[in-house]
Amino acid sequence: MSMDCKEVEKKIPSFLQEELGGVSLEEFMAHIESCPECEEELTIQLLVTEGLEHLEEGNNFNLQDELMIKLEDAGHRIRVHRTLLYILFCLEAMVAAAIIIALCVVFRL
């Protein structure tokens, strides 16, 4: 199931706060990568939330760099999540195999 524009727009603040994870983050990123309007909305909200804060503190702020950092970080978190799911799947498969082997030994099959 993929997100529509309304869902993505509602989740932009959570994305900026790095509160999205797992499937929700993957669906969000997939939509952002394929929808220029939502990517623009993400850029605007990033500018409003983080850009103004940097400017008030007197720090330089490069919107494109900040956006790329956020998107790269999200991509990294997605890869970590997928890796952990793969490891979990492998562990579950090994446990199932161990149970089958144990049952074969106990019942001498």
PDB file of N, CA and C in Angstrom:
ATOM      1  N   MET A   1       0.844  -1.181   0.000  1.00  0.00           N
ATOM      2  CA  MET A   1       0.000   0.000   0.000  1.00  0.00           C
ATOM      3  C   MET A   1       0.887   1.242   0.000  1.00  0.00           C
ATOM      4  N   SER A   2       0.597   2.171  -0.863  1.00  0.00           N
ATOM      5  CA  SER A   2       1.408   3.380  -0.920  1.00  0.00           C
ATOM      6  C   SER A   2       0.619   4.569  -0.381  1.00  0.00           C
ATOM      7  N   MET A   3       1.343   5.581   0.000  1.00  0.00           N
ATOM      8  CA  MET A   3       0.723   6.787   0.556  1.00  0.00           C
ATOM      9  C   MET A   3       0.287   7.707  -0.573  1.00  0.00           C
ATOM     10  N   ASP A   4      -0.783   8.460  -0.297  1.00  0.00           N
ATOM     11  CA  ASP A   4      -1.185   9.502  -1.234  1.00  0.00           C
ATOM     12  C   ASP A   4      -0.638  10.839  -0.717  1.00  0.00           C
ATOM     13  N   CYS A   5      -0.848  11.879  -1.499  1.00  0.00           N
ATOM     14  CA  CYS A   5      -0.283  13.188  -1.166  1.00  0.00           C
ATOM     15  C   CYS A   5      -0.755  13.704   0.198  1.00  0.00           C
ATOM     16  N   LYS A   6      -2.021  13.507   0.515  1.00  0.00           N
ATOM     17  CA  LYS A   6      -2.536  13.999   1.800  1.00  0.00           C
ATOM     18  C   LYS A   6      -1.839  13.307   2.970  1.00  0.00           C
ATOM     19  N   GLU A   7      -1.658  11.992   2.858  1.00  0.00           N
ATOM     20  CA  GLU A   7      -0.978  11.251   3.926  1.00  0.00           C
ATOM     21  C   GLU A   7       0.466  11.718   4.076  1.00  0.00           C
ATOM     22  N   VAL A   8       1.134  11.912   2.955  1.00  0.00           N
ATOM     23  CA  VAL A   8       2.531  12.353   2.983  1.00  0.00           C
ATOM     24  C   VAL A   8       2.637  13.730   3.626  1.00  0.00           C
ATOM     25  N   GLU A   9       1.765  14.649   3.237  1.00  0.00           N
ATOM     26  CA  GLU A   9       1.809  15.991   3.809  1.00  0.00           C
ATOM     27  C   GLU A   9       1.606  15.963   5.320  1.00  0.00           C
ATOM     28  N   LYS A  10       0.736  15.075   5.797  1.00  0.00           N
ATOM     29  CA  LYS A  10       0.518  14.951   7.244  1.00  0.00           C
ATOM     30  C   LYS A  10       1.749  14.395   7.952  1.00  0.00           C
ATOM     31  N   LYS A  11       2.519  13.580   7.240  1.00  0.00           N
ATOM     32  CA  LYS A  11       3.674  12.924   7.858  1.00  0.00           C
ATOM     33  C   LYS A  11       4.975  13.716   7.727  1.00  0.00           C
ATOM     34  N   ILE A  12       4.963  14.801   6.992  1.00  0.00           N
ATOM     35  CA  ILE A  12       6.192  15.584   6.825  1.00  0.00           C
ATOM     36  C   ILE A  12       6.761  16.044   8.170  1.00  0.00           C
ATOM     37  N   PRO A  13       5.961  16.592   9.090  1.00  0.00           N
ATOM     38  CA  PRO A  13       6.546  16.980  10.384  1.00  0.00           C
ATOM     39  C   PRO A  13       7.183  15.799  11.126  1.00  0.00           C
ATOM     40  N   SER A  14       6.557  14.648  11.070  1.00  0.00           N
ATOM     41  CA  SER A  14       7.136  13.465  11.712  1.00  0.00           C
ATOM     42  C   SER A  14       8.444  13.066  11.031  1.00  0.00           C
ATOM     43  N   PHE A  15       8.494  13.176   9.714  1.00  0.00           N
ATOM     44  CA  PHE A  15       9.723  12.882   8.982  1.00  0.00           C
ATOM     45  C   PHE A  15      10.831  13.833   9.412  1.00  0.00           C
ATOM     46  N   LEU A  16      10.522  15.116   9.491  1.00  0.00           N
ATOM     47  CA  LEU A  16      11.533  16.107   9.852  1.00  0.00           C
ATOM     48  C   LEU A  16      12.038  15.901  11.278  1.00  0.00           C
ATOM     49  N   GLN A  17      11.197  15.352  12.138  1.00  0.00           N
ATOM     50  CA  GLN A  17      11.595  15.068  13.516  1.00  0.00           C
ATOM     51  C   GLN A  17      12.216  13.674  13.657  1.00  0.00           C
ATOM     52  N   GLU A  18      12.375  12.982  12.519  1.00  0.00           N
ATOM     53  CA  GLU A  18      12.932  11.621  12.464  1.00  0.00           C
ATOM     54  C   GLU A  18      12.120  10.646  13.314  1.00  0.00           C
ATOM     55  N   GLU A  19      10.794  10.803  13.260  1.00  0.00           N
ATOM     56  CA  GLU A  19       9.892   9.941  14.006  1.00  0.00           C
ATOM     57  C   GLU A  19       9.293   8.831  13.147  1.00  0.00           C
ATOM     58  N   LEU A  20       9.483   8.893  11.834  1.00  0.00           N
ATOM     59  CA  LEU A  20       8.973   7.838  10.956  1.00  0.00           C
ATOM     60  C   LEU A  20       9.974   6.698  10.912  1.00  0.00           C
ATOM     61  N   GLY A  21       9.461   5.497  10.803  1.00  0.00           N
ATOM     62  CA  GLY A  21      10.345   4.345  10.695  1.00  0.00           C
ATOM     63  C   GLY A  21       9.658   3.216   9.954  1.00  0.00           C
ATOM     64  N   GLY A  22      10.427   2.214   9.651  1.00  0.00           N
ATOM     65  CA  GLY A  22       9.892   1.009   9.038  1.00  0.00           C
ATOM     66  C   GLY A  22       9.180   1.247   7.722  1.00  0.00           C
ATOM     67  N   VAL A  23       8.069   0.564   7.568  1.00  0.00           N
ATOM     68  CA  VAL A  23       7.295   0.620   6.325  1.00  0.00           C
ATOM     69  C   VAL A  23       6.783   2.035   6.059  1.00  0.00           C
ATOM     70  N   SER A  24       6.399   2.722   7.114  1.00  0.00           N
ATOM     71  CA  SER A  24       5.883   4.084   6.958  1.00  0.00           C
ATOM     72  C   SER A  24       6.939   4.994   6.331  1.00  0.00           C
ATOM     73  N   LEU A  25       8.176   4.860   6.783  1.00  0.00           N
ATOM     74  CA  LEU A  25       9.259   5.664   6.223  1.00  0.00           C
ATOM     75  C   LEU A  25       9.519   5.272   4.774  1.00  0.00           C
ATOM     76  N   GLU A  26       9.493   3.985   4.474  1.00  0.00           N
ATOM     77  CA  GLU A  26       9.717   3.524   3.095  1.00  0.00           C
ATOM     78  C   GLU A  26       8.642   4.067   2.159  1.00  0.00           C
ATOM     79  N   GLU A  27       7.380   4.002   2.588  1.00  0.00           N
ATOM     80  CA  GLU A  27       6.289   4.508   1.751  1.00  0.00           C
ATOM     81  C   GLU A  27       6.397   6.020   1.570  1.00  0.00           C
ATOM     82  N   PHE A  28       6.762   6.714   2.632  1.00  0.00           N
ATOM     83  CA  PHE A  28       6.934   8.164   2.570  1.00  0.00           C
ATOM     84  C   PHE A  28       8.018   8.519   1.557  1.00  0.00           C
ATOM     85  N   MET A  29       9.172   7.875   1.671  1.00  0.00           N
ATOM     86  CA  MET A  29      10.288   8.161   0.778  1.00  0.00           C
ATOM     87  C   MET A  29       9.952   7.824  -0.673  1.00  0.00           C
ATOM     88  N   ALA A  30       9.280   6.710  -0.888  1.00  0.00           N
ATOM     89  CA  ALA A  30       8.911   6.323  -2.254  1.00  0.00           C
ATOM     90  C   ALA A  30       8.009   7.390  -2.872  1.00  0.00           C
ATOM     91  N   HIS A  31       7.075   7.901  -2.076  1.00  0.00           N
ATOM     92  CA  HIS A  31       6.168   8.930  -2.597  1.00  0.00           C
ATOM     93  C   HIS A  31       6.927  10.227  -2.878  1.00  0.00           C
ATOM     94  N   ILE A  32       7.770  10.642  -1.941  1.00  0.00           N
ATOM     95  CA  ILE A  32       8.531  11.886  -2.102  1.00  0.00           C
ATOM     96  C   ILE A  32       9.391  11.817  -3.365  1.00  0.00           C
ATOM     97  N   GLU A  33       9.995  10.655  -3.615  1.00  0.00           N
ATOM     98  CA  GLU A  33      10.861  10.501  -4.789  1.00  0.00           C
ATOM     99  C   GLU A  33      10.084  10.547  -6.096  1.00  0.00           C
ATOM    100  N   SER A  34       8.793  10.237  -6.042  1.00  0.00           N
ATOM    101  CA  SER A  34       8.012  10.188  -7.283  1.00  0.00           C
ATOM    102  C   SER A  34       7.032  11.355  -7.439  1.00  0.00           C
ATOM    103  N   CYS A  35       6.954  12.242  -6.454  1.00  0.00           N
ATOM    104  CA  CYS A  35       5.964  13.320  -6.493  1.00  0.00           C
ATOM    105  C   CYS A  35       6.642  14.678  -6.266  1.00  0.00           C
ATOM    106  N   PRO A  36       6.842  15.436  -7.327  1.00  0.00           N
ATOM    107  CA  PRO A  36       7.503  16.746  -7.193  1.00  0.00           C
ATOM    108  C   PRO A  36       6.749  17.707  -6.271  1.00  0.00           C
ATOM    109  N   GLU A  37       5.427  17.626  -6.262  1.00  0.00           N
ATOM    110  CA  GLU A  37       4.646  18.530  -5.407  1.00  0.00           C
ATOM    111  C   GLU A  37       4.908  18.250  -3.927  1.00  0.00           C
ATOM    112  N   CYS A  38       4.962  16.987  -3.556  1.00  0.00           N
ATOM    113  CA  CYS A  38       5.216  16.635  -2.153  1.00  0.00           C
ATOM    114  C   CYS A  38       6.670  16.908  -1.776  1.00  0.00           C
ATOM    115  N   GLU A  39       7.581  16.722  -2.729  1.00  0.00           N
ATOM    116  CA  GLU A  39       8.982  17.058  -2.455  1.00  0.00           C
ATOM    117  C   GLU A  39       9.108  18.566  -2.212  1.00  0.00           C
ATOM    118  N   GLU A  40       8.368  19.356  -2.987  1.00  0.00           N
ATOM    119  CA  GLU A  40       8.387  20.807  -2.787  1.00  0.00           C
ATOM    120  C   GLU A  40       7.800  21.168  -1.416  1.00  0.00           C
ATOM    121  N   GLU A  41       6.712  20.500  -1.033  1.00  0.00           N
ATOM    122  CA  GLU A  41       6.113  20.751   0.284  1.00  0.00           C
ATOM    123  C   GLU A  41       7.081  20.375   1.401  1.00  0.00           C
ATOM    124  N   LEU A  42       7.798  19.279   1.238  1.00  0.00           N
ATOM    125  CA  LEU A  42       8.821  18.880   2.209  1.00  0.00           C
ATOM    126  C   LEU A  42       9.897  19.957   2.309  1.00  0.00           C
ATOM    127  N   THR A  43      10.323  20.469   1.182  1.00  0.00           N
ATOM    128  CA  THR A  43      11.339  21.523   1.153  1.00  0.00           C
ATOM    129  C   THR A  43      10.846  22.770   1.871  1.00  0.00           C
ATOM    130  N   ILE A  44       9.613  23.139   1.627  1.00  0.00           N
ATOM    131  CA  ILE A  44       9.040  24.329   2.275  1.00  0.00           C
ATOM    132  C   ILE A  44       8.975  24.141   3.785  1.00  0.00           C
ATOM    133  N   GLN A  45       8.479  22.987   4.212  1.00  0.00           N
ATOM    134  CA  GLN A  45       8.365  22.751   5.655  1.00  0.00           C
ATOM    135  C   GLN A  45       9.737  22.656   6.323  1.00  0.00           C
ATOM    136  N   LEU A  46      10.716  22.101   5.607  1.00  0.00           N
ATOM    137  CA  LEU A  46      12.080  22.067   6.136  1.00  0.00           C
ATOM    138  C   LEU A  46      12.605  23.484   6.308  1.00  0.00           C
ATOM    139  N   LEU A  47      12.373  24.315   5.316  1.00  0.00           N
ATOM    140  CA  LEU A  47      12.809  25.706   5.396  1.00  0.00           C
ATOM    141  C   LEU A  47      12.158  26.416   6.581  1.00  0.00           C
ATOM    142  N   VAL A  48      10.874  26.213   6.742  1.00  0.00           N
ATOM    143  CA  VAL A  48      10.149  26.878   7.823  1.00  0.00           C
ATOM    144  C   VAL A  48      10.620  26.398   9.191  1.00  0.00           C
ATOM    145  N   THR A  49      10.736  25.079   9.363  1.00  0.00           N
ATOM    146  CA  THR A  49      11.065  24.553  10.693  1.00  0.00           C
ATOM    147  C   THR A  49      12.531  24.701  11.053  1.00  0.00           C
ATOM    148  N   GLU A  50      13.412  24.331  10.151  1.00  0.00           N
ATOM    149  CA  GLU A  50      14.833  24.330  10.493  1.00  0.00           C
ATOM    150  C   GLU A  50      15.560  25.564   9.984  1.00  0.00           C
ATOM    151  N   GLY A  51      15.156  26.047   8.821  1.00  0.00           N
ATOM    152  CA  GLY A  51      15.826  27.211   8.256  1.00  0.00           C
ATOM    153  C   GLY A  51      15.699  28.437   9.122  1.00  0.00           C
ATOM    154  N   LEU A  52      14.500  28.709   9.587  1.00  0.00           N
ATOM    155  CA  LEU A  52      14.291  29.885  10.431  1.00  0.00           C
ATOM    156  C   LEU A  52      15.053  29.772  11.741  1.00  0.00           C
ATOM    157  N   GLU A  53      15.105  28.561  12.286  1.00  0.00           N
ATOM    158  CA  GLU A  53      15.844  28.343  13.533  1.00  0.00           C
ATOM    159  C   GLU A  53      17.329  28.653  13.336  1.00  0.00           C
ATOM    160  N   HIS A  54      17.899  28.166  12.239  1.00  0.00           N
ATOM    161  CA  HIS A  54      19.312  28.445  11.946  1.00  0.00           C
ATOM    162  C   HIS A  54      19.549  29.934  11.733  1.00  0.00           C
ATOM    163  N   LEU A  55      18.650  30.560  11.008  1.00  0.00           N
ATOM    164  CA  LEU A  55      18.817  31.982  10.734  1.00  0.00           C
ATOM    165  C   LEU A  55      18.691  32.822  12.004  1.00  0.00           C
ATOM    166  N   GLU A  56      17.769  32.443  12.897  1.00  0.00           N
ATOM    167  CA  GLU A  56      17.617  33.169  14.156  1.00  0.00           C
ATOM    168  C   GLU A  56      18.868  33.057  15.011  1.00  0.00           C
ATOM    169  N   GLU A  57      19.533  31.914  14.927  1.00  0.00           N
ATOM    170  CA  GLU A  57      20.764  31.710  15.691  1.00  0.00           C
ATOM    171  C   GLU A  57      21.962  32.360  15.011  1.00  0.00           C
ATOM    172  N   GLY A  58      21.746  32.890  13.821  1.00  0.00           N
ATOM    173  CA  GLY A  58      22.823  33.534  13.093  1.00  0.00           C
ATOM    174  C   GLY A  58      23.684  32.556  12.310  1.00  0.00           C
ATOM    175  N   ASN A  59      23.255  31.323  12.197  1.00  0.00           N
ATOM    176  CA  ASN A  59      24.011  30.309  11.464  1.00  0.00           C
ATOM    177  C   ASN A  59      23.629  30.327   9.988  1.00  0.00           C
ATOM    178  N   ASN A  60      24.570  29.931   9.164  1.00  0.00           N
ATOM    179  CA  ASN A  60      24.261  29.773   7.744  1.00  0.00           C
ATOM    180  C   ASN A  60      23.357  28.566   7.567  1.00  0.00           C
ATOM    181  N   PHE A  61      22.560  28.613   6.519  1.00  0.00           N
ATOM    182  CA  PHE A  61      21.634  27.510   6.259  1.00  0.00           C
ATOM    183  C   PHE A  61      21.567  27.283   4.769  1.00  0.00           C
ATOM    184  N   ASN A  62      21.925  26.088   4.350  1.00  0.00           N
ATOM    185  CA  ASN A  62      21.838  25.709   2.945  1.00  0.00           C
ATOM    186  C   ASN A  62      20.692  24.713   2.817  1.00  0.00           C
ATOM    187  N   LEU A  63      19.588  25.169   2.264  1.00  0.00           N
ATOM    188  CA  LEU A  63      18.374  24.363   2.184  1.00  0.00           C
ATOM    189  C   LEU A  63      18.610  23.047   1.451  1.00  0.00           C
ATOM    190  N   GLN A  64      19.280  23.102   0.305  1.00  0.00           N
ATOM    191  CA  GLN A  64      19.503  21.880  -0.480  1.00  0.00           C
ATOM    192  C   GLN A  64      20.367  20.885   0.285  1.00  0.00           C
ATOM    193  N   ASP A  65      21.417  21.377   0.950  1.00  0.00           N
ATOM    194  CA  ASP A  65      22.269  20.481   1.734  1.00  0.00           C
ATOM    195  C   ASP A  65      21.482  19.836   2.871  1.00  0.00           C
ATOM    196  N   GLU A  66      20.696  20.630   3.571  1.00  0.00           N
ATOM    197  CA  GLU A  66      19.906  20.101   4.688  1.00  0.00           C
ATOM    198  C   GLU A  66      18.898  19.057   4.204  1.00  0.00           C
ATOM    199  N   LEU A  67      18.264  19.332   3.077  1.00  0.00           N
ATOM    200  CA  LEU A  67      17.304  18.387   2.525  1.00  0.00           C
ATOM    201  C   LEU A  67      18.004  17.091   2.136  1.00  0.00           C
ATOM    202  N   MET A  68      19.149  17.201   1.471  1.00  0.00           N
ATOM    203  CA  MET A  68      19.888  15.999   1.076  1.00  0.00           C
ATOM    204  C   MET A  68      20.321  15.187   2.292  1.00  0.00           C
ATOM    205  N   ILE A  69      20.742  15.855   3.349  1.00  0.00           N
ATOM    206  CA  ILE A  69      21.139  15.158   4.577  1.00  0.00           C
ATOM    207  C   ILE A  69      19.958  14.386   5.148  1.00  0.00           C
ATOM    208  N   LYS A  70      18.789  15.033   5.204  1.00  0.00           N
ATOM    209  CA  LYS A  70      17.586  14.369   5.721  1.00  0.00           C
ATOM    210  C   LYS A  70      17.229  13.150   4.873  1.00  0.00           C
ATOM    211  N   LEU A  71      17.262  13.306   3.555  1.00  0.00           N
ATOM    212  CA  LEU A  71      16.888  12.205   2.667  1.00  0.00           C
ATOM    213  C   LEU A  71      17.912  11.073   2.720  1.00  0.00           C
ATOM    214  N   GLU A  72      19.190  11.397   2.789  1.00  0.00           N
ATOM    215  CA  GLU A  72      20.216  10.364   2.903  1.00  0.00           C
ATOM    216  C   GLU A  72      20.098   9.616   4.221  1.00  0.00           C
ATOM    217  N   ASP A  73      19.821  10.345   5.296  1.00  0.00           N
ATOM    218  CA  ASP A  73      19.638   9.705   6.598  1.00  0.00           C
ATOM    219  C   ASP A  73      18.441   8.758   6.570  1.00  0.00           C
ATOM    220  N   ALA A  74      17.372   9.191   5.940  1.00  0.00           N
ATOM    221  CA  ALA A  74      16.190   8.335   5.829  1.00  0.00           C
ATOM    222  C   ALA A  74      16.510   7.081   5.014  1.00  0.00           C
ATOM    223  N   GLY A  75      17.255   7.233   3.937  1.00  0.00           N
ATOM    224  CA  GLY A  75      17.660   6.085   3.138  1.00  0.00           C
ATOM    225  C   GLY A  75      18.499   5.115   3.945  1.00  0.00           C
ATOM    226  N   HIS A  76      19.398   5.642   4.771  1.00  0.00           N
ATOM    227  CA  HIS A  76      20.218   4.800   5.643  1.00  0.00           C
ATOM    228  C   HIS A  76      19.348   4.037   6.639  1.00  0.00           C
ATOM    229  N   ARG A  77      18.398   4.742   7.250  1.00  0.00           N
ATOM    230  CA  ARG A  77      17.515   4.077   8.214  1.00  0.00           C
ATOM    231  C   ARG A  77      16.688   2.987   7.549  1.00  0.00           C
ATOM    232  N   ILE A  78      16.265   3.209   6.307  1.00  0.00           N
ATOM    233  CA  ILE A  78      15.514   2.184   5.567  1.00  0.00           C
ATOM    234  C   ILE A  78      16.393   0.960   5.335  1.00  0.00           C
ATOM    235  N   ARG A  79      17.642   1.184   4.920  1.00  0.00           N
ATOM    236  CA  ARG A  79      18.555   0.054   4.679  1.00  0.00           C
ATOM    237  C   ARG A  79      18.813  -0.727   5.957  1.00  0.00           C
ATOM    238  N   VAL A  80      18.992  -0.037   7.064  1.00  0.00           N
ATOM    239  CA  VAL A  80      19.201  -0.710   8.353  1.00  0.00           C
ATOM    240  C   VAL A  80      17.962  -1.527   8.716  1.00  0.00           C
ATOM    241  N   HIS A  81      16.792  -0.943   8.533  1.00  0.00           N
ATOM    242  CA  HIS A  81      15.547  -1.648   8.844  1.00  0.00           C
ATOM    243  C   HIS A  81      15.410  -2.906   8.008  1.00  0.00           C
ATOM    244  N   ARG A  82      15.688  -2.813   6.717  1.00  0.00           N
ATOM    245  CA  ARG A  82      15.602  -3.978   5.833  1.00  0.00           C
ATOM    246  C   ARG A  82      16.605  -5.050   6.244  1.00  0.00           C
ATOM    247  N   THR A  83      17.811  -4.632   6.602  1.00  0.00           N
ATOM    248  CA  THR A  83      18.836  -5.582   7.037  1.00  0.00           C
ATOM    249  C   THR A  83      18.404  -6.298   8.301  1.00  0.00           C
ATOM    250  N   LEU A  84      17.852  -5.548   9.250  1.00  0.00           N
ATOM    251  CA  LEU A  84      17.391  -6.168  10.496  1.00  0.00           C
ATOM    252  C   LEU A  84      16.245  -7.143  10.230  1.00  0.00           C
ATOM    253  N   LEU A  85      15.345  -6.790   9.331  1.00  0.00           N
ATOM    254  CA  LEU A  85      14.257  -7.712   8.982  1.00  0.00           C
ATOM    255  C   LEU A  85      14.798  -8.987   8.344  1.00  0.00           C
ATOM    256  N   TYR A  86      15.805  -8.854   7.493  1.00  0.00           N
ATOM    257  CA  TYR A  86      16.417 -10.014   6.854  1.00  0.00           C
ATOM    258  C   TYR A  86      17.085 -10.910   7.894  1.00  0.00           C
ATOM    259  N   ILE A  87      17.817 -10.301   8.826  1.00  0.00           N
ATOM    260  CA  ILE A  87      18.462 -11.061   9.893  1.00  0.00           C
ATOM    261  C   ILE A  87      17.422 -11.778  10.736  1.00  0.00           C
ATOM    262  N   LEU A  88      16.339 -11.088  11.066  1.00  0.00           N
ATOM    263  CA  LEU A  88      15.267 -11.700  11.844  1.00  0.00           C
ATOM    264  C   LEU A  88      14.663 -12.888  11.101  1.00  0.00           C
ATOM    265  N   PHE A  89      14.435 -12.737   9.809  1.00  0.00           N
ATOM    266  CA  PHE A  89      13.903 -13.828   8.993  1.00  0.00           C
ATOM    267  C   PHE A  89      14.857 -15.020   9.022  1.00  0.00           C
ATOM    268  N   CYS A  90      16.155 -14.765   8.871  1.00  0.00           N
ATOM    269  CA  CYS A  90      17.142 -15.850   8.887  1.00  0.00           C
ATOM    270  C   CYS A  90      17.167 -16.552  10.243  1.00  0.00           C
ATOM    271  N   LEU A  91      17.103 -15.781  11.315  1.00  0.00           N
ATOM    272  CA  LEU A  91      17.085 -16.375  12.654  1.00  0.00           C
ATOM    273  C   LEU A  91      15.834 -17.237  12.859  1.00  0.00           C
ATOM    274  N   GLU A  92      14.698 -16.743  12.398  1.00  0.00           N
ATOM    275  CA  GLU A  92      13.468 -17.522  12.510  1.00  0.00           C
ATOM    276  C   GLU A  92      13.574 -18.823  11.718  1.00  0.00           C
ATOM    277  N   ALA A  93      14.179 -18.765  10.535  1.00  0.00           N
ATOM    278  CA  ALA A  93      14.355 -19.964   9.713  1.00  0.00           C
ATOM    279  C   ALA A  93      15.286 -20.953  10.410  1.00  0.00           C
ATOM    280  N   MET A  94      16.351 -20.454  11.033  1.00  0.00           N
ATOM    281  CA  MET A  94      17.272 -21.341  11.754  1.00  0.00           C
ATOM    282  C   MET A  94      16.600 -21.986  12.953  1.00  0.00           C
ATOM    283  N   VAL A  95      15.781 -21.233  13.673  1.00  0.00           N
ATOM    284  CA  VAL A  95      15.054 -21.799  14.813  1.00  0.00           C
ATOM    285  C   VAL A  95      14.088 -22.877  14.335  1.00  0.00           C
ATOM    286  N   ALA A  96      13.384 -22.616  13.254  1.00  0.00           N
ATOM    287  CA  ALA A  96      12.455 -23.611  12.704  1.00  0.00           C
ATOM    288  C   ALA A  96      13.215 -24.869  12.300  1.00  0.00           C
ATOM    289  N   ALA A  97      14.370 -24.713  11.665  1.00  0.00           N
ATOM    290  CA  ALA A  97      15.179 -25.869  11.268  1.00  0.00           C
ATOM    291  C   ALA A  97      15.666 -26.634  12.484  1.00  0.00           C
ATOM    292  N   ALA A  98      16.080 -25.912  13.526  1.00  0.00           N
ATOM    293  CA  ALA A  98      16.547 -26.566  14.755  1.00  0.00           C
ATOM    294  C   ALA A  98      15.420 -27.352  15.414  1.00  0.00           C
ATOM    295  N   ILE A  99      14.214 -26.820  15.398  1.00  0.00           N
ATOM    296  CA  ILE A  99      13.070 -27.527  15.973  1.00  0.00           C
ATOM    297  C   ILE A  99      12.786 -28.798  15.180  1.00  0.00           C
ATOM    298  N   ILE A 100      12.827 -28.693  13.871  1.00  0.00           N
ATOM    299  CA  ILE A 100      12.579 -29.869  13.028  1.00  0.00           C
ATOM    300  C   ILE A 100      13.645 -30.933  13.280  1.00  0.00           C
ATOM    301  N   ILE A 101      14.901 -30.515  13.361  1.00  0.00           N
ATOM    302  CA  ILE A 101      15.984 -31.472  13.629  1.00  0.00           C
ATOM    303  C   ILE A 101      15.803 -32.105  14.995  1.00  0.00           C
ATOM    304  N   ALA A 102      15.456 -31.306  16.008  1.00  0.00           N
ATOM    305  CA  ALA A 102      15.245 -31.834  17.352  1.00  0.00           C
ATOM    306  C   ALA A 102      14.103 -32.840  17.369  1.00  0.00           C
ATOM    307  N   LEU A 103      13.017 -32.527  16.648  1.00  0.00           N
ATOM    308  CA  LEU A 103      11.892 -33.465  16.599  1.00  0.00           C
ATOM    309  C   LEU A 103      12.296 -34.765  15.903  1.00  0.00           C
ATOM    310  N   CYS A 104      13.099 -34.659  14.856  1.00  0.00           N
ATOM    311  CA  CYS A 104      13.567 -35.853  14.147  1.00  0.00           C
ATOM    312  C   CYS A 104      14.431 -36.710  15.049  1.00  0.00           C
ATOM    313  N   VAL A 105      15.284 -36.069  15.855  1.00  0.00           N
ATOM    314  CA  VAL A 105      16.137 -36.807  16.776  1.00  0.00           C
ATOM    315  C   VAL A 105      15.307 -37.473  17.873  1.00  0.00           C
ATOM    316  N   VAL A 106      14.367 -36.736  18.437  1.00  0.00           N
ATOM    317  CA  VAL A 106      13.552 -37.259  19.532  1.00  0.00           C
ATOM    318  C   VAL A 106      12.681 -38.427  19.037  1.00  0.00           C
ATOM    319  N   PHE A 107      12.089 -38.288  17.888  1.00  0.00           N
ATOM    320  CA  PHE A 107      11.201 -39.328  17.382  1.00  0.00           C
ATOM    321  C   PHE A 107      11.899 -40.280  16.411  1.00  0.00           C
ATOM    322  N   ARG A 108      13.216 -40.139  16.285  1.00  0.00           N
ATOM    323  CA  ARG A 108      14.048 -40.995  15.438  1.00  0.00           C
ATOM    324  C   ARG A 108      13.489 -41.136  14.016  1.00  0.00           C
ATOM    325  N   LEU A 109      13.216 -39.996  13.443  1.00  0.00           N
ATOM    326  CA  LEU A 109      12.694 -39.999  12.072  1.00  0.00           C
ATOM    327  C   LEU A 109      13.798 -39.946  11.062  1.00  0.00           C
TER     328      LEU A 109
END
